[in-house]
Protein backbone atom coordinates (compact mmCIF):
# COMPACT_ATOMS: atom_id res chain seq x y z
CA MET A 1 -0.52 -0.11 0.27
CA ASN A 2 1.39 3.86 -0.93
CA PHE A 3 0.94 5.56 2.53
CA GLN A 4 1.78 8.75 -0.14
CA LYS A 5 -1.92 8.57 -1.80
CA ILE A 6 -3.84 8.03 1.46
CA PRO A 7 -4.79 11.90 1.75
CA SER A 8 -4.95 12.67 -1.78
CA ILE A 9 -7.71 10.48 -1.66
CA TRP A 10 -9.25 10.80 1.04
CA PHE A 11 -9.76 14.28 -0.02
CA PHE A 12 -11.23 12.78 -2.71
CA LEU A 13 -13.92 11.05 -1.36
CA SER A 14 -14.74 13.71 1.05
CA GLY A 15 -15.29 16.06 -2.23
CA ILE A 16 -17.63 12.86 -3.22
CA VAL A 17 -19.17 13.09 0.15
CA PHE A 18 -19.71 16.80 -0.40
CA PHE A 19 -20.95 17.03 -3.54
CA VAL A 20 -23.93 14.11 -3.24
CA GLY A 21 -24.86 16.07 0.26
CA PHE A 22 -25.38 19.19 -1.56
CA ALA A 23 -26.79 17.92 -4.59
CA SER A 24 -29.81 15.92 -1.90
CA CYS A 25 -29.80 19.46 0.37
CA LEU A 26 -30.80 21.80 -2.91
CA PHE A 27 -33.97 19.11 -3.30
CA LEU A 28 -35.02 18.20 0.24
CA THR A 29 -34.21 20.73 2.06
CA LYS A 30 -34.30 24.92 2.25
CA ILE A 31 -31.89 27.14 1.48
CA GLU A 32 -30.89 28.07 4.67
CA PHE A 33 -29.85 24.93 5.03
CA THR A 34 -27.74 24.58 1.99
CA LEU A 35 -26.32 27.69 2.22
CA GLY A 36 -25.04 26.00 5.40
CA TYR A 37 -23.81 22.96 4.68
CA PHE A 38 -22.27 24.70 1.48
CA ALA A 39 -20.66 26.89 3.40
CA GLY A 40 -19.31 24.42 6.39
CA GLY A 41 -18.42 21.69 3.93
CA LEU A 42 -16.35 24.54 1.98
CA LEU A 43 -14.27 25.37 5.41
CA VAL A 44 -13.62 22.21 6.38
CA LEU A 45 -12.16 21.17 3.10
CA SER A 46 -9.92 23.28 2.18
CA ASN A 47 -8.65 23.48 5.77
CA ALA A 48 -8.35 19.84 5.25
CA TRP A 49 -6.31 21.07 1.65
CA LEU A 50 -4.26 23.45 3.20
CA SER A 51 -3.31 20.98 6.20
CA ALA A 52 -2.07 18.62 3.28
CA TRP A 53 -0.56 21.38 1.70
CA LYS A 54 1.38 22.36 4.57
CA ILE A 55 3.06 19.46 5.27
CA LYS A 56 4.14 18.27 2.10
CA LYS A 57 5.86 21.83 2.19
CA SER A 58 7.58 21.52 5.36
CA ASP A 59 11.19 21.14 5.39
CA PHE A 60 11.65 18.54 8.32
CA TYR A 61 15.41 18.56 8.53
CA ASN A 62 14.77 21.08 10.79
CA ARG A 63 12.42 19.49 13.13
CA GLY A 64 11.90 22.90 16.06
CA HIS A 65 11.06 25.20 12.67
CA ALA A 66 8.47 22.42 10.83
CA PHE A 67 6.86 21.81 14.36
CA VAL A 68 6.54 25.48 15.35
CA SER A 69 5.65 26.00 11.61
CA LEU A 70 2.83 23.34 11.16
CA ILE A 71 1.37 23.56 14.98
CA GLY A 72 1.42 27.26 14.20
CA GLY A 73 -0.50 26.71 10.59
CA PHE A 74 -2.96 24.90 12.85
CA TYR A 75 -3.73 26.88 15.31
CA PHE A 76 -3.92 30.28 12.90
CA ARG A 77 -6.26 27.99 10.87
CA LEU A 78 -8.51 26.43 13.57
CA PHE A 79 -8.94 30.22 15.10
CA PHE A 80 -9.83 31.74 11.02
CA ILE A 81 -12.64 28.96 11.18
CA GLY A 82 -13.79 29.77 14.39
CA LEU A 83 -13.72 33.73 13.06
CA CYS A 84 -15.59 32.42 10.17
CA LEU A 85 -18.04 30.33 12.39
CA PHE A 86 -19.09 32.88 14.35
CA ALA A 87 -19.62 35.66 10.99
CA LEU A 88 -21.86 32.70 8.87
CA ILE A 89 -23.87 32.59 11.89
CA ARG A 90 -24.47 36.28 13.23
CA PHE A 91 -24.59 37.81 9.71
CA THR A 92 -26.14 36.18 7.24
CA ARG A 93 -28.82 33.48 7.56
CA VAL A 94 -27.05 29.98 7.72
CA ASP A 95 -28.95 27.47 9.73
CA PRO A 96 -26.59 26.03 12.27
CA VAL A 97 -27.93 22.46 11.84
CA GLY A 98 -27.07 22.43 8.04
CA LEU A 99 -23.39 24.01 9.05
CA VAL A 100 -22.43 21.37 11.58
CA THR A 101 -23.62 18.40 8.54
CA GLY A 102 -21.08 20.58 6.58
CA LEU A 103 -18.27 20.30 8.36
CA SER A 104 -18.99 16.81 9.09
CA VAL A 105 -17.61 15.84 5.63
CA VAL A 106 -14.31 15.18 5.97
CA PRO A 107 -15.25 12.89 8.34
CA ALA A 108 -17.79 11.77 6.45
CA GLY A 109 -14.85 10.69 3.75
CA LEU A 110 -12.49 8.75 6.34
CA PHE A 111 -15.25 6.86 7.17
CA VAL A 112 -16.22 5.93 3.77
CA MET A 113 -12.67 5.73 2.70
CA LEU A 114 -12.20 2.68 5.65
CA MET A 115 -15.19 0.85 4.08
CA LEU A 116 -13.61 0.77 0.76
CA ILE A 117 -10.02 -0.54 2.23
CA TYR A 118 -12.42 -3.12 4.36
CA ILE A 119 -14.63 -4.65 1.38
CA SER A 120 -11.18 -4.07 -0.87
CA ASN A 121 -9.18 -6.37 1.78
CA ARG A 122 -11.43 -9.44 1.82
CA ARG A 123 -9.95 -12.71 1.26
CA PRO A 124 -12.61 -15.00 -1.40
CA LYS A 125 -13.98 -17.32 1.24
CA GLU A 126 -14.63 -14.79 3.66
CA VAL A 127 -16.86 -13.39 0.77
């Protein structure tokens, strides 16, 4: 198994979960819920993409600098997401439940990836 490809597969599956959820929200829920889902999903997917980009770009030869850079970037993105969530809830008409549902796109993508790994690793006599 090539462990270098796992973050890109996880991001791809999270994107699929996001677009399937967005399409179903368009047809099944109110516009406020859909906007909340869309905003939360974009926030969490952009955070995941920026985290992966920062780790790939990081220079691990200088452990102290890399550690400070990664942890500092994590807390900066966490603070920025908190500000975005506050602004979305306070100043726009998004449904907070839709926002939380959108924020759960990346964990749902991880769950889908783990289920696909489990299915693909079964032996023929187990089926």
